[in-house]
């Protein structure tokens, strides 16, 4: 997944400063050696980026579709606490150092990830989830509802065909397993 993230950073970094990921769909079917990156939608408030990885025979093996938005206001407006259900599959507190190592590795220059209280990049969250579930091949569709900040305890629960992430009882993301 990190190769897809690295390929996604080959874009106009200045244009995307301050944007946040609203959703991601990712498929990994096998190893890839060549990556492409294309903006399939670009306007003042919303962009859709498509990153694809192909094997040596030109077959599509990995795909990452990222929906980016300019936030109106980052914060905890419209908080909806709910009863947490499912099986706890992992907990993690991301550190500023982890976030910095990730952004340096993939080339992500978004200032939201380098501020005094950095936001955890969405693809870093998914990469961590891929590691704790040991998913080698996957097709996931993620929605990011609230930011996760460095230093916050993230808890992920498995509920039927999805993963749900919570911070302090607040649902912060959902990942649906497709296929």
Foldseek 3Di string as FASTA:
>chain_A
DLVQLLQQLPDDLVLCAQKAWFKKKKWAADDFDDKDKDWPDDDDFKTWIKMFGAHPVRDTGMIMITIIGRDPDADCPPFDFDDDDAAWQDKDAAALVNLVVSCVSSVRPHCQSVPPWHFRHPVNVVVVVCVSVVDPTFIKMKGFDHTDTHPFMWIWGDDDQKIWIDTPRTTGMIIGTDD
